[in-house]
Amino acid sequence: MKASETIYSTLSVLFNSNVWPLVRPEGEKGTPYLVYTVMNANATNVIAGYTGRELAYMQLDVYHNDYDSCEDITNQMIKILKDTVKPFYYDSRKYLHDEDAGLYRQSIECHIWQTN
């Protein structure tokens, strides 16, 4: 399964289907929502060549209009991924504020396997 499919199928319930790749579509409103980006994917190769499996390095950006709620839903998201996506490697978190939108943002970096 592609990393994007894994993220959407695993997290769409938590975010009320407000989960998008790269950017939130114009005209969409409300919080919380999740925007995910596959930063890169490292191929798994063996002697016979490419296996079709890749370790996807992802950035998951959670947006909310309330600081504490943004952190809470990010923590819930991490727990869901840790419990359901194997393997899931959580690297780091950034606490940010999007001044243009007036929203709080937590950005996590993680790795998950994908199959092409």
N, C-alpha and C. Protein backbone atom coordinates (compact mmCIF):
# COMPACT_ATOMS: atom_id res chain seq x y z
N MET A 1 0.84 -1.17 0.00
CA MET A 1 0.00 0.00 0.00
C MET A 1 0.90 1.25 0.00
N LYS A 2 0.50 2.25 -0.76
CA LYS A 2 1.25 3.50 -0.79
C LYS A 2 1.12 4.21 0.56
N ALA A 3 2.13 4.98 0.90
CA ALA A 3 2.13 5.71 2.18
C ALA A 3 0.91 6.63 2.27
N SER A 4 0.54 7.28 1.20
CA SER A 4 -0.62 8.18 1.21
C SER A 4 -1.90 7.41 1.53
N GLU A 5 -2.04 6.21 0.99
CA GLU A 5 -3.22 5.39 1.29
C GLU A 5 -3.23 4.97 2.75
N THR A 6 -2.08 4.63 3.27
CA THR A 6 -1.97 4.24 4.68
C THR A 6 -2.38 5.39 5.59
N ILE A 7 -1.86 6.58 5.32
CA ILE A 7 -2.18 7.75 6.15
C ILE A 7 -3.67 8.06 6.09
N TYR A 8 -4.23 8.10 4.89
CA TYR A 8 -5.64 8.45 4.77
C TYR A 8 -6.52 7.39 5.45
N SER A 9 -6.29 6.12 5.15
CA SER A 9 -7.16 5.08 5.71
C SER A 9 -7.03 4.97 7.22
N THR A 10 -5.87 5.27 7.76
CA THR A 10 -5.64 5.16 9.20
C THR A 10 -6.16 6.38 9.96
N LEU A 11 -6.07 7.56 9.36
CA LEU A 11 -6.35 8.79 10.11
C LEU A 11 -7.61 9.55 9.70
N SER A 12 -8.28 9.13 8.66
CA SER A 12 -9.45 9.89 8.19
C SER A 12 -10.55 9.99 9.23
N VAL A 13 -10.75 8.96 10.04
CA VAL A 13 -11.79 9.01 11.08
C VAL A 13 -11.44 10.06 12.13
N LEU A 14 -10.18 10.08 12.57
CA LEU A 14 -9.74 11.04 13.58
C LEU A 14 -9.95 12.48 13.11
N PHE A 15 -9.75 12.73 11.81
CA PHE A 15 -9.84 14.09 11.28
C PHE A 15 -11.13 14.33 10.48
N ASN A 16 -12.13 13.46 10.68
CA ASN A 16 -13.41 13.64 10.01
C ASN A 16 -13.25 13.77 8.49
N SER A 17 -12.36 12.96 7.93
CA SER A 17 -12.02 12.92 6.50
C SER A 17 -11.33 14.19 5.99
N ASN A 18 -10.90 15.06 6.89
CA ASN A 18 -10.17 16.28 6.51
C ASN A 18 -8.68 15.98 6.48
N VAL A 19 -8.29 15.13 5.52
CA VAL A 19 -6.91 14.67 5.35
C VAL A 19 -6.55 14.84 3.89
N TRP A 20 -5.50 15.60 3.62
CA TRP A 20 -5.13 15.90 2.23
C TRP A 20 -3.63 15.82 2.01
N PRO A 21 -3.23 15.47 0.77
CA PRO A 21 -1.81 15.51 0.42
C PRO A 21 -1.39 16.94 0.07
N LEU A 22 -0.26 17.37 0.56
CA LEU A 22 0.43 18.61 0.20
C LEU A 22 -0.23 19.90 0.68
N VAL A 23 -1.50 20.14 0.35
CA VAL A 23 -2.18 21.37 0.76
C VAL A 23 -3.67 21.09 1.00
N ARG A 24 -4.28 21.90 1.82
CA ARG A 24 -5.74 21.81 1.99
C ARG A 24 -6.38 22.45 0.77
N PRO A 25 -7.36 21.78 0.16
CA PRO A 25 -8.00 22.35 -1.03
C PRO A 25 -8.65 23.70 -0.74
N GLU A 26 -8.61 24.56 -1.71
CA GLU A 26 -9.22 25.88 -1.58
C GLU A 26 -10.72 25.72 -1.32
N GLY A 27 -11.22 26.53 -0.42
CA GLY A 27 -12.64 26.48 -0.10
C GLY A 27 -12.98 25.59 1.09
N GLU A 28 -12.06 24.71 1.47
CA GLU A 28 -12.28 23.86 2.65
C GLU A 28 -12.11 24.72 3.90
N LYS A 29 -12.95 24.47 4.88
CA LYS A 29 -12.90 25.26 6.11
C LYS A 29 -12.97 24.34 7.31
N GLY A 30 -12.66 24.88 8.47
CA GLY A 30 -12.79 24.16 9.72
C GLY A 30 -11.52 23.45 10.15
N THR A 31 -11.48 23.16 11.42
CA THR A 31 -10.36 22.44 12.02
C THR A 31 -10.94 21.36 12.91
N PRO A 32 -10.17 20.36 13.25
CA PRO A 32 -8.79 20.13 12.84
C PRO A 32 -8.72 19.53 11.45
N TYR A 33 -7.54 19.62 10.86
CA TYR A 33 -7.29 18.93 9.61
C TYR A 33 -5.83 18.54 9.52
N LEU A 34 -5.56 17.60 8.62
CA LEU A 34 -4.22 17.05 8.44
C LEU A 34 -3.78 17.20 7.00
N VAL A 35 -2.57 17.68 6.81
CA VAL A 35 -1.93 17.73 5.50
C VAL A 35 -0.66 16.90 5.59
N TYR A 36 -0.50 15.96 4.66
CA TYR A 36 0.67 15.10 4.69
C TYR A 36 1.50 15.27 3.42
N THR A 37 2.80 15.08 3.58
CA THR A 37 3.74 15.18 2.48
C THR A 37 4.73 14.03 2.56
N VAL A 38 4.88 13.31 1.45
CA VAL A 38 5.94 12.31 1.37
C VAL A 38 7.20 13.08 0.95
N MET A 39 8.13 13.23 1.89
CA MET A 39 9.34 14.02 1.63
C MET A 39 10.29 13.29 0.68
N ASN A 40 10.45 12.00 0.91
CA ASN A 40 11.22 11.15 0.01
C ASN A 40 10.95 9.70 0.39
N ALA A 41 11.40 8.81 -0.45
CA ALA A 41 11.22 7.38 -0.17
C ALA A 41 12.51 6.66 -0.56
N ASN A 42 13.04 5.90 0.37
CA ASN A 42 14.27 5.14 0.13
C ASN A 42 13.91 3.72 -0.28
N ALA A 43 14.37 3.35 -1.45
CA ALA A 43 14.07 2.04 -2.00
C ALA A 43 14.80 0.93 -1.24
N THR A 44 14.15 -0.22 -1.18
CA THR A 44 14.76 -1.42 -0.62
C THR A 44 15.21 -2.28 -1.79
N ASN A 45 16.50 -2.52 -1.86
CA ASN A 45 17.08 -3.33 -2.93
C ASN A 45 17.76 -4.57 -2.34
N VAL A 46 17.70 -5.62 -3.10
CA VAL A 46 18.39 -6.86 -2.76
C VAL A 46 19.26 -7.23 -3.96
N ILE A 47 19.95 -8.33 -3.89
CA ILE A 47 20.83 -8.74 -5.00
C ILE A 47 20.07 -8.79 -6.32
N ALA A 48 18.83 -9.26 -6.26
CA ALA A 48 18.02 -9.37 -7.48
C ALA A 48 17.47 -8.03 -7.96
N GLY A 49 17.63 -6.96 -7.16
CA GLY A 49 17.17 -5.63 -7.58
C GLY A 49 16.12 -5.05 -6.65
N TYR A 50 15.37 -4.12 -7.18
CA TYR A 50 14.36 -3.37 -6.43
C TYR A 50 13.23 -4.29 -6.00
N THR A 51 12.85 -4.21 -4.72
CA THR A 51 11.83 -5.10 -4.16
C THR A 51 10.41 -4.56 -4.29
N GLY A 52 10.28 -3.28 -4.59
CA GLY A 52 8.95 -2.66 -4.61
C GLY A 52 8.56 -2.06 -3.27
N ARG A 53 9.41 -2.25 -2.27
CA ARG A 53 9.16 -1.68 -0.94
C ARG A 53 10.07 -0.47 -0.73
N GLU A 54 9.50 0.55 -0.10
CA GLU A 54 10.25 1.77 0.18
C GLU A 54 9.94 2.25 1.59
N LEU A 55 10.93 2.85 2.21
CA LEU A 55 10.71 3.49 3.50
C LEU A 55 10.41 4.96 3.22
N ALA A 56 9.15 5.34 3.39
CA ALA A 56 8.71 6.71 3.08
C ALA A 56 8.96 7.62 4.27
N TYR A 57 9.65 8.71 4.03
CA TYR A 57 9.90 9.74 5.03
C TYR A 57 8.80 10.78 4.86
N MET A 58 7.99 10.97 5.89
CA MET A 58 6.80 11.80 5.77
C MET A 58 6.79 12.94 6.76
N GLN A 59 6.10 14.00 6.35
CA GLN A 59 5.80 15.12 7.23
C GLN A 59 4.28 15.16 7.37
N LEU A 60 3.79 15.13 8.60
CA LEU A 60 2.36 15.18 8.89
C LEU A 60 2.09 16.47 9.64
N ASP A 61 1.29 17.35 9.05
CA ASP A 61 1.00 18.66 9.64
C ASP A 61 -0.44 18.71 10.12
N VAL A 62 -0.61 18.86 11.44
CA VAL A 62 -1.92 18.96 12.06
C VAL A 62 -2.21 20.44 12.30
N TYR A 63 -3.40 20.89 11.89
CA TYR A 63 -3.82 22.28 12.07
C TYR A 63 -5.05 22.33 12.96
N HIS A 64 -5.07 23.32 13.85
CA HIS A 64 -6.21 23.51 14.74
C HIS A 64 -6.26 24.97 15.16
N ASN A 65 -7.44 25.45 15.53
CA ASN A 65 -7.55 26.85 15.97
C ASN A 65 -7.25 27.03 17.45
N ASP A 66 -6.99 25.93 18.17
CA ASP A 66 -6.69 25.98 19.60
C ASP A 66 -5.36 25.24 19.86
N TYR A 67 -4.46 25.87 20.57
CA TYR A 67 -3.12 25.31 20.80
C TYR A 67 -3.17 23.95 21.49
N ASP A 68 -3.86 23.87 22.63
CA ASP A 68 -3.91 22.61 23.38
C ASP A 68 -4.61 21.51 22.59
N SER A 69 -5.66 21.85 21.89
CA SER A 69 -6.38 20.86 21.08
C SER A 69 -5.51 20.36 19.94
N CYS A 70 -4.68 21.23 19.40
CA CYS A 70 -3.75 20.83 18.34
C CYS A 70 -2.77 19.79 18.88
N GLU A 71 -2.24 20.05 20.06
CA GLU A 71 -1.31 19.10 20.66
C GLU A 71 -2.01 17.79 21.01
N ASP A 72 -3.22 17.88 21.55
CA ASP A 72 -3.96 16.67 21.93
C ASP A 72 -4.25 15.77 20.73
N ILE A 73 -4.72 16.35 19.63
CA ILE A 73 -5.05 15.52 18.47
C ILE A 73 -3.79 14.98 17.81
N THR A 74 -2.70 15.74 17.89
CA THR A 74 -1.42 15.23 17.38
C THR A 74 -0.97 14.02 18.19
N ASN A 75 -1.11 14.10 19.50
CA ASN A 75 -0.77 12.95 20.35
C ASN A 75 -1.64 11.74 20.04
N GLN A 76 -2.93 11.97 19.80
CA GLN A 76 -3.83 10.88 19.42
C GLN A 76 -3.39 10.27 18.09
N MET A 77 -3.02 11.12 17.14
CA MET A 77 -2.58 10.65 15.83
C MET A 77 -1.34 9.77 15.96
N ILE A 78 -0.38 10.21 16.74
CA ILE A 78 0.86 9.44 16.93
C ILE A 78 0.54 8.08 17.54
N LYS A 79 -0.34 8.06 18.54
CA LYS A 79 -0.71 6.79 19.18
C LYS A 79 -1.39 5.85 18.19
N ILE A 80 -2.31 6.37 17.39
CA ILE A 80 -2.99 5.54 16.38
C ILE A 80 -1.98 4.97 15.40
N LEU A 81 -1.07 5.79 14.91
CA LEU A 81 -0.06 5.31 13.96
C LEU A 81 0.84 4.27 14.61
N LYS A 82 1.26 4.53 15.84
CA LYS A 82 2.14 3.59 16.55
C LYS A 82 1.45 2.25 16.76
N ASP A 83 0.16 2.28 17.05
CA ASP A 83 -0.58 1.05 17.33
C ASP A 83 -1.03 0.28 16.10
N THR A 84 -1.16 0.96 14.95
CA THR A 84 -1.75 0.29 13.79
C THR A 84 -0.83 0.16 12.57
N VAL A 85 0.15 1.01 12.44
CA VAL A 85 1.03 0.96 11.27
C VAL A 85 2.35 0.33 11.69
N LYS A 86 2.69 -0.78 11.08
CA LYS A 86 3.91 -1.50 11.44
C LYS A 86 4.81 -1.62 10.21
N PRO A 87 6.03 -1.21 10.28
CA PRO A 87 6.61 -0.41 11.36
C PRO A 87 6.30 1.07 11.17
N PHE A 88 6.28 1.79 12.27
CA PHE A 88 6.09 3.23 12.29
C PHE A 88 7.23 3.81 13.11
N TYR A 89 8.01 4.71 12.50
CA TYR A 89 9.13 5.34 13.18
C TYR A 89 8.83 6.83 13.32
N TYR A 90 8.73 7.30 14.54
CA TYR A 90 8.44 8.69 14.85
C TYR A 90 9.76 9.40 15.14
N ASP A 91 10.04 10.45 14.38
CA ASP A 91 11.33 11.14 14.50
C ASP A 91 11.28 12.41 15.34
N SER A 92 10.40 13.34 14.99
CA SER A 92 10.44 14.64 15.67
C SER A 92 9.11 15.36 15.52
N ARG A 93 8.98 16.45 16.32
CA ARG A 93 7.78 17.28 16.28
C ARG A 93 8.19 18.74 16.35
N LYS A 94 7.49 19.58 15.60
CA LYS A 94 7.70 21.03 15.66
C LYS A 94 6.38 21.68 16.05
N TYR A 95 6.47 22.69 16.90
CA TYR A 95 5.31 23.47 17.33
C TYR A 95 5.36 24.79 16.57
N LEU A 96 4.33 25.05 15.78
CA LEU A 96 4.34 26.21 14.89
C LEU A 96 3.03 26.98 14.95
N HIS A 97 3.06 28.19 14.41
CA HIS A 97 1.85 28.99 14.27
C HIS A 97 1.79 29.52 12.85
N ASP A 98 0.69 29.29 12.18
CA ASP A 98 0.49 29.80 10.82
C ASP A 98 -0.23 31.14 10.94
N GLU A 99 0.54 32.22 10.86
CA GLU A 99 -0.04 33.55 11.08
C GLU A 99 -1.06 33.93 10.03
N ASP A 100 -0.83 33.55 8.77
CA ASP A 100 -1.78 33.91 7.71
C ASP A 100 -3.15 33.30 7.97
N ALA A 101 -3.19 32.05 8.39
CA ALA A 101 -4.46 31.36 8.64
C ALA A 101 -4.94 31.56 10.07
N GLY A 102 -4.06 32.01 10.96
CA GLY A 102 -4.42 32.16 12.36
C GLY A 102 -4.62 30.82 13.06
N LEU A 103 -3.87 29.81 12.61
CA LEU A 103 -4.02 28.46 13.16
C LEU A 103 -2.73 27.98 13.79
N TYR A 104 -2.88 27.08 14.76
CA TYR A 104 -1.73 26.40 15.34
C TYR A 104 -1.44 25.17 14.50
N ARG A 105 -0.17 24.81 14.45
CA ARG A 105 0.25 23.67 13.63
C ARG A 105 1.28 22.86 14.39
N GLN A 106 1.10 21.56 14.37
CA GLN A 106 2.14 20.67 14.87
C GLN A 106 2.56 19.82 13.68
N SER A 107 3.84 19.80 13.45
CA SER A 107 4.41 19.09 12.32
C SER A 107 5.28 17.95 12.84
N ILE A 108 4.92 16.73 12.47
CA ILE A 108 5.76 15.61 12.88
C ILE A 108 6.42 15.00 11.65
N GLU A 109 7.59 14.44 11.89
CA GLU A 109 8.31 13.72 10.85
C GLU A 109 8.37 12.27 11.26
N CYS A 110 8.09 11.39 10.30
CA CYS A 110 8.04 9.97 10.61
C CYS A 110 8.39 9.15 9.37
N HIS A 111 8.57 7.86 9.57
CA HIS A 111 8.83 6.92 8.47
C HIS A 111 7.82 5.79 8.53
N ILE A 112 7.31 5.41 7.37
CA ILE A 112 6.48 4.21 7.27
C ILE A 112 6.84 3.49 5.98
N TRP A 113 6.56 2.18 5.92
CA TRP A 113 6.83 1.41 4.72
C TRP A 113 5.71 1.60 3.71
N GLN A 114 6.08 1.63 2.45
CA GLN A 114 5.09 1.62 1.38
C GLN A 114 5.51 0.62 0.33
N THR A 115 4.53 0.11 -0.38
CA THR A 115 4.78 -0.82 -1.48
C THR A 115 4.21 -0.21 -2.75
N ASN A 116 5.02 -0.19 -3.77
CA ASN A 116 4.57 0.36 -5.06
C ASN A 116 4.22 -0.76 -6.01
